[in-house]
Protein backbone atom coordinates (compact mmCIF):
# COMPACT_ATOMS: atom_id res chain seq x y z
CA MET A 1 -40.78 6.60 -29.36
CA SER A 2 -40.51 9.31 -26.70
CA SER A 3 -37.56 9.40 -24.30
CA GLU A 4 -39.98 8.81 -21.40
CA ILE A 5 -41.24 5.57 -22.98
CA ARG A 6 -37.67 4.48 -23.74
CA ASP A 7 -36.72 5.05 -20.10
CA ILE A 8 -39.71 3.00 -18.92
CA ASN A 9 -38.84 0.15 -21.30
CA LEU A 10 -35.21 0.29 -20.21
CA ALA A 11 -36.14 0.02 -16.54
CA GLU A 12 -38.56 -2.83 -17.26
CA SER A 13 -35.81 -4.74 -19.07
CA GLY A 14 -33.49 -4.29 -16.09
CA GLU A 15 -36.23 -5.34 -13.68
CA ARG A 16 -36.72 -8.62 -15.52
CA LYS A 17 -32.98 -9.32 -15.26
CA ILE A 18 -32.97 -8.61 -11.52
CA GLU A 19 -36.03 -10.80 -10.94
CA TRP A 20 -34.31 -13.68 -12.77
CA VAL A 21 -31.27 -13.28 -10.53
CA LYS A 22 -33.46 -13.17 -7.42
CA LYS A 23 -35.10 -16.48 -8.34
CA ASN A 24 -31.66 -18.11 -8.53
CA CYS A 25 -30.04 -16.58 -5.43
CA ASP A 26 -31.32 -18.52 -2.43
CA LEU A 27 -28.85 -17.05 0.06
CA LEU A 28 -29.50 -13.45 -0.90
CA ARG A 29 -33.28 -14.00 -0.78
CA MET A 30 -32.92 -15.37 2.74
CA LEU A 31 -30.74 -12.42 3.76
CA GLU A 32 -33.20 -9.97 2.23
CA GLU A 33 -35.96 -11.43 4.41
CA GLU A 34 -33.75 -11.36 7.51
CA PHE A 35 -32.45 -7.84 6.89
CA SER A 36 -36.00 -6.56 6.28
CA ARG A 37 -36.82 -7.62 9.84
CA THR A 38 -33.60 -6.73 11.67
CA LYS A 39 -32.45 -3.59 9.77
CA PRO A 40 -28.71 -4.03 10.52
CA PHE A 41 -27.78 -1.02 8.34
CA SER A 42 -30.37 1.39 9.67
CA GLY A 43 -29.02 4.94 9.51
CA LYS A 44 -25.90 3.82 7.61
CA LYS A 45 -24.73 5.00 4.20
CA ILE A 46 -23.11 2.46 1.87
CA ALA A 47 -21.05 3.47 -1.17
CA LEU A 48 -20.75 0.58 -3.60
CA SER A 49 -18.57 0.21 -6.69
CA VAL A 50 -19.02 -3.23 -8.25
CA HIS A 51 -19.70 -4.31 -11.84
CA LEU A 52 -23.17 -2.90 -12.26
CA GLU A 53 -25.26 -5.72 -13.66
CA ALA A 54 -28.26 -7.65 -12.36
CA LYS A 55 -26.55 -9.64 -9.59
CA THR A 56 -24.96 -6.51 -8.16
CA ALA A 57 -28.32 -4.76 -8.40
CA TYR A 58 -29.94 -7.44 -6.28
CA LEU A 59 -27.17 -7.14 -3.68
CA CYS A 60 -27.92 -3.41 -3.54
CA ARG A 61 -31.59 -4.14 -2.90
CA VAL A 62 -30.72 -6.63 -0.16
CA LEU A 63 -28.56 -4.02 1.59
CA ALA A 64 -31.27 -1.39 1.14
CA ALA A 65 -33.79 -3.80 2.68
CA GLY A 66 -31.49 -3.80 5.70
CA GLY A 67 -31.95 -0.06 6.09
CA ALA A 68 -28.90 1.19 4.19
CA GLN A 69 -28.90 4.36 2.12
CA MET A 70 -27.27 3.11 -1.08
CA TYR A 71 -24.98 5.16 -3.34
CA ILE A 72 -24.09 3.03 -6.32
CA THR A 73 -21.63 3.13 -9.20
CA GLY A 74 -19.87 0.62 -11.44
CA SER A 75 -16.29 -0.63 -11.19
CA ASN A 76 -15.67 -0.81 -14.95
CA PRO A 77 -17.03 1.50 -17.68
CA LEU A 78 -17.90 -1.37 -20.02
CA SER A 79 -19.60 -3.65 -17.49
CA THR A 80 -22.41 -1.28 -16.47
CA GLN A 81 -25.77 -2.32 -17.93
CA ASP A 82 -27.93 0.75 -18.43
CA ASP A 83 -31.22 -1.11 -18.11
CA VAL A 84 -30.20 -2.52 -14.73
CA ALA A 85 -29.08 0.93 -13.55
CA ALA A 86 -32.43 2.35 -14.71
CA ALA A 87 -34.32 -0.31 -12.75
CA LEU A 88 -32.43 0.61 -9.57
CA VAL A 89 -33.17 4.30 -10.08
CA LYS A 90 -36.84 3.56 -10.69
CA GLY A 91 -36.83 1.62 -7.40
CA GLY A 92 -35.58 4.67 -5.53
CA LEU A 93 -31.84 3.99 -5.22
CA GLU A 94 -29.17 6.55 -6.15
CA VAL A 95 -27.01 5.46 -9.10
CA HIS A 96 -24.08 7.24 -10.75
CA ALA A 97 -23.03 5.08 -13.72
CA TRP A 98 -23.64 4.44 -17.37
CA TYR A 99 -22.23 2.14 -20.02
CA ASP A 100 -19.01 3.22 -21.77
CA ALA A 101 -18.31 6.14 -19.43
CA LYS A 102 -15.16 8.02 -20.37
CA GLU A 103 -12.35 8.20 -17.83
CA ASP A 104 -13.36 11.61 -16.47
CA GLU A 105 -17.01 10.51 -16.29
CA TYR A 106 -16.07 7.28 -14.52
CA ASN A 107 -14.02 9.21 -11.95
CA SER A 108 -16.85 11.68 -11.43
CA HIS A 109 -19.17 8.75 -10.69
CA ILE A 110 -16.75 7.39 -8.08
CA ARG A 111 -16.48 10.86 -6.59
CA ALA A 112 -20.27 11.33 -6.53
CA VAL A 113 -20.94 8.29 -4.35
CA LEU A 114 -18.08 9.10 -1.97
CA THR A 115 -19.05 12.73 -1.40
CA GLN A 116 -22.26 11.43 0.23
CA GLY A 117 -20.10 10.56 3.26
CA PRO A 118 -20.43 6.75 3.37
CA ASN A 119 -20.05 4.69 6.55
CA ILE A 120 -19.39 1.45 4.68
CA ILE A 121 -17.51 1.01 1.38
CA ILE A 122 -18.05 -2.01 -0.87
CA ASP A 123 -15.31 -1.97 -3.49
CA ASP A 124 -14.26 -4.06 -6.49
CA GLY A 125 -10.73 -3.25 -7.58
CA GLY A 126 -10.01 -0.53 -5.03
CA ASP A 127 -11.09 2.64 -6.85
CA LEU A 128 -13.37 3.85 -4.03
CA VAL A 129 -10.72 3.30 -1.38
CA HIS A 130 -8.01 4.91 -3.53
CA MET A 131 -10.00 8.09 -4.18
CA MET A 132 -11.08 8.30 -0.54
CA HIS A 133 -7.42 8.22 0.54
CA THR A 134 -6.20 10.69 -2.08
CA GLU A 135 -8.89 13.26 -2.87
CA LEU A 136 -11.42 12.92 -0.05
CA ARG A 137 -9.40 12.28 3.09
CA ASP A 138 -11.62 14.61 5.14
CA LEU A 139 -14.43 12.02 4.83
CA ILE A 140 -12.34 9.15 6.24
CA PRO A 141 -13.38 9.67 9.90
CA GLY A 142 -16.97 8.75 8.99
CA VAL A 143 -16.00 5.38 7.49
CA ILE A 144 -16.51 2.34 9.73
CA GLY A 145 -14.77 0.08 7.20
CA GLY A 146 -15.19 -1.61 3.87
CA CYS A 147 -15.18 -4.85 1.91
CA GLU A 148 -13.02 -5.67 -1.14
CA GLU A 149 -14.40 -8.07 -3.73
CA THR A 150 -11.48 -9.00 -5.94
CA THR A 151 -7.81 -10.03 -6.06
CA THR A 152 -6.62 -6.83 -7.73
CA GLY A 153 -8.24 -4.69 -5.06
CA ILE A 154 -6.60 -6.76 -2.32
CA ILE A 155 -3.19 -6.29 -3.95
CA ARG A 156 -3.75 -2.52 -3.79
CA LEU A 157 -4.96 -2.70 -0.18
CA MET A 158 -1.93 -4.75 0.90
CA ALA A 159 0.40 -2.18 -0.65
CA MET A 160 -1.42 0.65 1.16
CA ASP A 161 -1.31 -1.24 4.46
CA ARG A 162 2.44 -1.97 4.14
CA ALA A 163 3.04 1.73 3.56
CA GLY A 164 0.88 2.66 6.56
CA ASP A 165 -1.55 4.55 4.31
CA LEU A 166 -4.75 2.55 4.88
CA LYS A 167 -6.88 4.45 7.42
CA PHE A 168 -9.91 2.21 7.99
CA PRO A 169 -10.51 -1.56 8.24
CA MET A 170 -11.09 -3.51 5.02
CA VAL A 171 -12.48 -7.04 4.95
CA LEU A 172 -10.82 -9.20 2.28
CA VAL A 173 -13.97 -10.78 0.83
CA ASN A 174 -12.06 -12.32 -2.08
CA ASN A 175 -9.98 -14.43 0.32
CA ALA A 176 -13.01 -16.17 1.80
CA ASP A 177 -13.25 -19.83 0.75
CA CYS A 178 -16.84 -19.35 -0.38
CA LYS A 179 -15.63 -16.57 -2.67
CA HIS A 180 -12.36 -17.49 -4.39
CA LEU A 181 -12.86 -21.26 -4.53
CA PHE A 182 -16.13 -20.87 -6.42
CA ASP A 183 -16.43 -17.34 -7.83
CA ASN A 184 -12.86 -17.14 -9.12
CA ARG A 185 -12.63 -20.74 -10.35
CA TYR A 186 -16.08 -21.79 -11.53
CA GLY A 187 -17.54 -18.32 -12.07
CA THR A 188 -14.61 -16.91 -14.04
CA GLY A 189 -14.06 -20.19 -15.83
CA GLN A 190 -17.59 -20.32 -17.22
CA SER A 191 -18.22 -16.61 -17.77
CA VAL A 192 -14.94 -15.96 -19.62
CA TRP A 193 -15.76 -18.59 -22.21
CA ASP A 194 -19.33 -17.38 -22.40
CA GLY A 195 -17.98 -13.91 -23.26
CA ILE A 196 -15.47 -15.26 -25.79
CA CYS A 197 -17.88 -17.62 -27.52
CA ARG A 198 -20.80 -15.22 -27.82
CA THR A 199 -18.47 -12.46 -29.06
CA THR A 200 -16.45 -14.41 -31.64
CA ASN A 201 -18.89 -17.18 -32.62
CA LEU A 202 -15.82 -19.36 -33.25
CA ILE A 203 -15.10 -22.92 -32.19
CA VAL A 204 -12.71 -23.58 -29.32
CA ALA A 205 -12.25 -27.31 -29.88
CA GLY A 206 -8.97 -28.07 -31.62
CA LYS A 207 -7.53 -24.63 -30.90
CA VAL A 208 -4.53 -23.70 -28.75
CA VAL A 209 -5.54 -21.61 -25.73
CA VAL A 210 -2.87 -19.70 -23.80
CA VAL A 211 -3.85 -18.78 -20.23
CA ALA A 212 -1.59 -16.26 -18.50
CA GLY A 213 -1.71 -16.88 -14.76
CA TYR A 214 -2.65 -20.02 -12.85
CA GLY A 215 -4.32 -18.64 -9.77
CA TRP A 216 -7.91 -19.64 -9.02
CA CYS A 217 -9.20 -17.67 -12.02
CA GLY A 218 -6.57 -19.16 -14.33
CA LYS A 219 -7.40 -22.65 -13.06
CA GLY A 220 -11.05 -22.12 -13.93
CA VAL A 221 -10.37 -20.66 -17.39
CA SER A 222 -7.95 -23.51 -18.19
CA MET A 223 -10.31 -26.21 -16.97
CA ARG A 224 -13.21 -24.91 -19.08
CA ALA A 225 -10.97 -24.49 -22.15
CA LYS A 226 -9.93 -28.12 -21.79
CA GLY A 227 -13.58 -29.10 -21.49
CA LEU A 228 -14.32 -27.28 -24.75
CA GLY A 229 -11.68 -29.37 -26.50
CA ALA A 230 -8.74 -26.96 -26.59
CA ARG A 231 -5.07 -27.67 -26.05
CA VAL A 232 -4.14 -25.44 -23.09
CA ILE A 233 -0.79 -23.74 -22.45
CA VAL A 234 -0.24 -21.92 -19.15
CA THR A 235 2.27 -19.11 -18.63
CA GLU A 236 3.40 -18.33 -15.08
CA VAL A 237 6.02 -16.55 -12.98
CA ASP A 238 5.41 -18.70 -9.89
CA PRO A 239 7.16 -22.10 -10.05
CA VAL A 240 4.70 -23.70 -7.62
CA LYS A 241 1.69 -22.69 -9.71
CA ALA A 242 3.54 -23.81 -12.84
CA ILE A 243 4.00 -27.29 -11.34
CA GLU A 244 0.29 -27.33 -10.47
CA ALA A 245 -0.55 -26.56 -14.10
CA VAL A 246 1.72 -29.35 -15.37
CA MET A 247 0.22 -31.86 -12.95
CA ASP A 248 -3.27 -30.73 -13.96
CA GLY A 249 -2.39 -31.81 -17.49
CA PHE A 250 -1.44 -28.51 -19.12
CA ASP A 251 1.70 -27.43 -20.93
CA VAL A 252 3.80 -24.62 -19.43
CA MET A 253 6.16 -22.25 -21.23
CA PRO A 254 7.17 -18.56 -21.36
CA MET A 255 4.70 -16.19 -23.00
CA ASN A 256 7.02 -15.39 -25.91
CA GLU A 257 7.10 -19.07 -26.88
CA ALA A 258 3.38 -19.59 -26.36
CA ALA A 259 2.70 -16.44 -28.42
CA LYS A 260 3.95 -18.20 -31.55
CA ILE A 261 1.41 -21.02 -31.40
CA GLY A 262 -1.66 -19.69 -29.54
CA ASP A 263 -5.07 -19.15 -31.15
CA PHE A 264 -6.80 -17.69 -28.08
CA PHE A 265 -5.05 -15.77 -25.29
CA VAL A 266 -6.63 -15.06 -21.89
CA THR A 267 -4.80 -12.98 -19.27
CA VAL A 268 -5.77 -13.44 -15.60
CA THR A 269 -2.79 -12.17 -13.60
CA GLY A 270 -3.58 -8.73 -12.16
CA CYS A 271 -0.22 -7.56 -13.53
CA ASP A 272 0.89 -5.08 -16.19
CA LYS A 273 2.01 -5.84 -19.79
CA VAL A 274 1.66 -9.61 -19.47
CA ILE A 275 1.32 -9.63 -23.26
CA ASP A 276 3.75 -7.03 -24.58
CA MET A 277 4.83 -5.93 -28.03
CA ASP A 278 7.54 -8.57 -28.39
CA ASP A 279 4.85 -11.21 -27.81
CA LEU A 280 2.38 -9.59 -30.19
CA ALA A 281 5.03 -9.38 -32.91
CA VAL A 282 5.42 -13.17 -33.11
CA MET A 283 1.73 -14.09 -32.96
CA LYS A 284 0.13 -15.75 -35.93
CA ASP A 285 -2.38 -14.03 -38.15
CA GLY A 286 -5.84 -14.11 -36.56
CA ALA A 287 -4.77 -14.57 -32.93
CA ILE A 288 -7.57 -13.56 -30.53
CA LEU A 289 -6.68 -11.82 -27.26
CA CYS A 290 -8.78 -11.03 -24.21
CA ASN A 291 -8.32 -10.10 -20.58
CA ALA A 292 -10.09 -11.41 -17.49
CA GLY A 293 -8.03 -9.42 -14.97
CA HIS A 294 -9.56 -6.35 -13.35
CA PHE A 295 -7.64 -3.61 -15.17
CA ASP A 296 -7.12 -3.24 -18.92
CA CYS A 297 -3.31 -3.18 -18.69
CA GLU A 298 -2.49 -6.90 -18.96
CA ILE A 299 -2.38 -6.58 -22.75
CA ASN A 300 -0.25 -3.60 -23.78
CA MET A 301 -3.09 -1.87 -25.59
CA ALA A 302 -1.43 1.54 -25.70
CA GLU A 303 1.57 0.28 -27.68
CA LEU A 304 -0.58 -2.00 -29.84
CA LYS A 305 -2.67 0.99 -30.93
CA LYS A 306 0.45 3.05 -31.66
CA THR A 307 2.14 0.27 -33.61
CA ALA A 308 -0.82 -0.93 -35.68
CA VAL A 309 -0.84 0.25 -39.29
CA GLU A 310 -4.59 -0.35 -39.53
CA ILE A 311 -7.34 -0.62 -36.92
CA LYS A 312 -10.75 -1.93 -37.82
CA GLU A 313 -13.84 -3.04 -35.91
CA MET A 314 -14.63 -6.57 -37.09
CA ARG A 315 -17.87 -7.07 -35.12
CA LYS A 316 -19.25 -5.85 -31.81
CA ASN A 317 -16.55 -6.10 -29.11
CA VAL A 318 -13.95 -7.38 -31.63
CA MET A 319 -11.31 -4.85 -32.73
CA GLY A 320 -8.71 -5.81 -35.31
CA TYR A 321 -5.13 -4.46 -35.34
CA ARG A 322 -2.88 -5.05 -38.35
CA LEU A 323 0.79 -5.02 -37.40
CA PRO A 324 3.61 -3.78 -39.64
CA THR A 325 4.57 -7.43 -40.19
CA GLY A 326 1.18 -7.99 -41.84
CA GLN A 327 -0.70 -10.18 -39.38
CA TRP A 328 -4.03 -9.21 -37.82
CA ILE A 329 -4.40 -9.39 -34.04
CA TYR A 330 -7.93 -9.31 -32.64
CA VAL A 331 -8.71 -7.94 -29.16
CA LEU A 332 -12.03 -8.52 -27.42
CA ALA A 333 -13.82 -5.83 -25.38
CA GLU A 334 -10.93 -3.33 -25.65
CA GLY A 335 -8.80 -5.51 -23.37
CA ARG A 336 -11.21 -5.01 -20.48
CA LEU A 337 -12.86 -7.78 -18.46
CA VAL A 338 -14.20 -9.98 -21.24
CA ASN A 339 -16.71 -11.85 -19.09
CA LEU A 340 -18.45 -8.60 -18.10
CA ALA A 341 -17.66 -6.21 -20.94
CA ALA A 342 -18.72 -8.81 -23.50
CA GLY A 343 -20.99 -10.99 -21.36
CA ASP A 344 -23.20 -11.07 -18.28
CA GLY A 345 -20.52 -12.00 -15.77
CA HIS A 346 -20.56 -14.91 -13.36
CA PRO A 347 -23.59 -17.19 -13.02
CA ALA A 348 -26.19 -16.10 -10.48
CA GLU A 349 -25.75 -19.14 -8.21
CA ILE A 350 -22.03 -18.40 -7.90
CA MET A 351 -22.51 -14.73 -7.09
CA ASP A 352 -25.13 -15.74 -4.54
CA MET A 353 -22.28 -17.02 -2.37
CA SER A 354 -19.90 -14.13 -3.07
CA PHE A 355 -22.50 -11.46 -2.38
CA ALA A 356 -23.79 -13.24 0.72
CA ILE A 357 -20.21 -12.99 2.01
CA GLN A 358 -20.22 -9.29 1.06
CA ALA A 359 -23.49 -8.56 2.84
CA LEU A 360 -22.51 -10.46 5.99
CA SER A 361 -19.04 -8.86 6.05
CA ALA A 362 -20.63 -5.41 5.90
CA LYS A 363 -22.93 -6.45 8.76
CA TYR A 364 -19.86 -7.64 10.72
CA LEU A 365 -18.23 -4.23 10.31
CA VAL A 366 -21.31 -2.46 11.68
CA GLU A 367 -21.59 -4.87 14.60
CA HIS A 368 -17.91 -4.33 15.51
CA GLU A 369 -17.70 -0.58 14.88
CA GLY A 370 -14.78 0.90 16.81
CA GLU A 371 -13.53 -2.52 17.97
CA LEU A 372 -11.28 -3.50 15.06
CA ASP A 373 -7.62 -2.64 15.56
CA LYS A 374 -6.29 -4.02 12.25
CA MET A 375 -6.72 -2.45 8.83
CA ILE A 376 -6.65 -5.76 6.92
CA ILE A 377 -9.28 -8.23 8.10
CA ASP A 378 -10.10 -11.75 6.93
CA VAL A 379 -13.72 -12.79 6.59
CA PRO A 380 -14.60 -14.44 9.93
CA LYS A 381 -14.47 -18.22 9.64
CA GLU A 382 -17.96 -18.55 11.07
CA VAL A 383 -19.35 -16.35 8.28
CA ASP A 384 -17.58 -18.45 5.63
CA LYS A 385 -18.74 -21.71 7.18
CA ASN A 386 -22.33 -20.54 7.66
CA VAL A 387 -22.58 -19.45 4.02
CA ALA A 388 -21.24 -22.83 2.90
CA SER A 389 -23.66 -24.73 5.17
CA MET A 390 -26.66 -22.72 3.99
CA LYS A 391 -25.70 -23.06 0.32
CA LEU A 392 -25.29 -26.81 0.72
CA ALA A 393 -28.75 -27.03 2.31
CA PHE A 394 -30.28 -25.02 -0.55
CA MET A 395 -28.62 -27.49 -2.96
CA GLY A 396 -30.43 -30.31 -1.16
CA LYS A 397 -27.23 -31.94 0.07
CA LYS A 398 -26.26 -33.22 3.52
CA ILE A 399 -22.90 -34.08 5.05
CA ASP A 400 -21.69 -35.99 8.09
CA THR A 401 -21.00 -34.38 11.45
CA LEU A 402 -18.32 -35.33 13.94
CA THR A 403 -19.34 -37.23 17.05
CA GLN A 404 -18.22 -35.95 20.45
CA GLU A 405 -15.79 -38.86 20.56
CA GLN A 406 -14.29 -37.83 17.21
CA VAL A 407 -13.99 -34.21 18.35
CA ALA A 408 -12.17 -35.32 21.48
CA TYR A 409 -9.86 -37.53 19.40
CA LEU A 410 -8.93 -34.67 17.05
CA ASN A 411 -8.30 -32.33 19.97
CA LYS A 412 -5.85 -34.64 21.73
CA SER A 413 -2.38 -33.18 22.04
CA VAL A 414 -0.90 -36.64 21.44
CA ILE A 415 -2.52 -39.14 19.06
């Protein structure tokens, strides 16, 4: 088969994936129709770094329908799907990404989309914003603002803002109710176990699952593990979240204790070395580890690789490490995001809400160019509420509305 035919087949495969997403994303379809008429991004350049799979691809097409010149890359080397990238290129969009890019290649892709001089940045994890503020500061004056998709990126933005280093407004998309309450909880909860189950082909029922972190992502992962029949242990550093986990029916203990009895381990903290060598040393033979946090540092992979006396690929996306004490530890997807590196990411209907928030937040930035005096911006409540109302309507559900009398009652200063 010639390379030309392979490229055509690759693009056709990606196109089918995008079409499937489109059929299941009511909000984005509606926005695509609206943006095609109103062209809110006419004359604007958008640099986007989000996990490059079919749902992201459709978001890119929606923004392009609104008149944006799109410059696209991925936010994780193992989550880029080459067929989806090929479909975008065939459709006329500029893409700099491929699956399993090495670190220097990944950085060159980030750099390539930024050197186009974007007006809007759509980021997932903060790599675009970080490089813009370190290597490409001369391009900052052209940036109206940006949107951050995930918790890890917001942590980085908050640190930059506290230090006075953030030079353009960033909308915290992850903090919107229609994002974190659904994407982080239901999306992560389902897609993590999809990635684990399709990769290992092992049963979850009857196993001990250790979930590190009980934020919205950890809540979702724990809930789905329980639904699959596992006994769930949560590890936490926040006493409030730990109490939540206990009252939700889960056990809570330090990681080093949980390490001795866990069968599956899922990290969702956004922190470094959540599972360290002292934890790995006490794990039982055959323990399976994976990460659902943005960066591949939650499991101390560097030390695990140095310490292992034997390393062997067991099956696709499953790497075995034999420790000096004799037991085998298995890590999925190299410790990267298991739901994307070893799966297809969140369900389309969930990302429909998240990406509608993204698109409308980008539109908000354009509409308020030069008016925003803060660098850290919450998604406007009206955007969040409108997305929720539209999604509910697409689901065929109705809710009550307050009467004028009820509104007046609630607004009384004394009840």
